[in-house]
Structure formats: structure tokens, C-alpha cells
Amino acid sequence: MSGEIEFLRAIYVAFNWREIETVLAALAPDVDWPNGMEGGRVHGRSAVRDYWTRQFALVNPHVEPTNFKIEEDGRFAVDVHQIVHDGSGKLLADQMVQHVYTIHDGMIVKMEIRNPES
């Protein structure tokens, strides 16, 4: 499990630094990803890139993992402190969420977002 945790930690660092190509390289080509801003899901690396491009034009999210655990089905649940500002710096969200990852062959194939109560 420690290898996957370090892998996920590196993904969060790259995301926060907006090293998007680094993050996309860790995703399976047909990744299933949540569209946390607009709702629904996007599929594939280019759809995730397009989603993030739209997202970063409107808001500045920062996500900091605080806890990692493996679920019974083998997925990785990450408790995340999420802070989101708008383009002018106004705080829009400061909350805890949970990101749940399905990882196969060293690549993220699916990510889900849970509210802490879920």
C-alpha cells in the first residue's frame, strides 16, 4: 500500500502545482473522472484536461490529502482538505471531502468524490 500512497501524494502535489500533464500521465487512457464543478463525469485523458482547463479558468482549487486508507474492495480512499478560491481570491469553499481511487497496473482508472458523511 505504501507505493500507492506515495503515488497518490505525488499526484496531489503535481495537481496543486498545476503540472497537469504529470497528473494526466498517471491516468488510464480511458479514465472515468468526476466533474466536481459542473456535475456528471468525464471519460478519457483529453476530457479530464478539458475539464481542468475550464475549472482553472474560473477557480483556484488546492487539495491537501490528510489520510489514506484502503477499502475492502481494494480502492484507495483519501481524506482531502479542499480549499477553493475564485479568480479574485475570494474563498468559495473550505471543506473536507473524500477522493476514492481505483488503481490498476499503476494507473488511476476511476476517481469518485464523497462527502465525509458518505
Foldseek 3Di string as FASTA:
>chain_A
DVVVVVVVQVLLVCVLVVVLVVNLVQADQFAWEALVPPGDIDTGSVRVVVSVVVVVQFKRKHKDWDDWDADPVGKIKTWIFIWMATPVGHTDDTAIKIKIFDDDPRHTRYIDIGRPVD
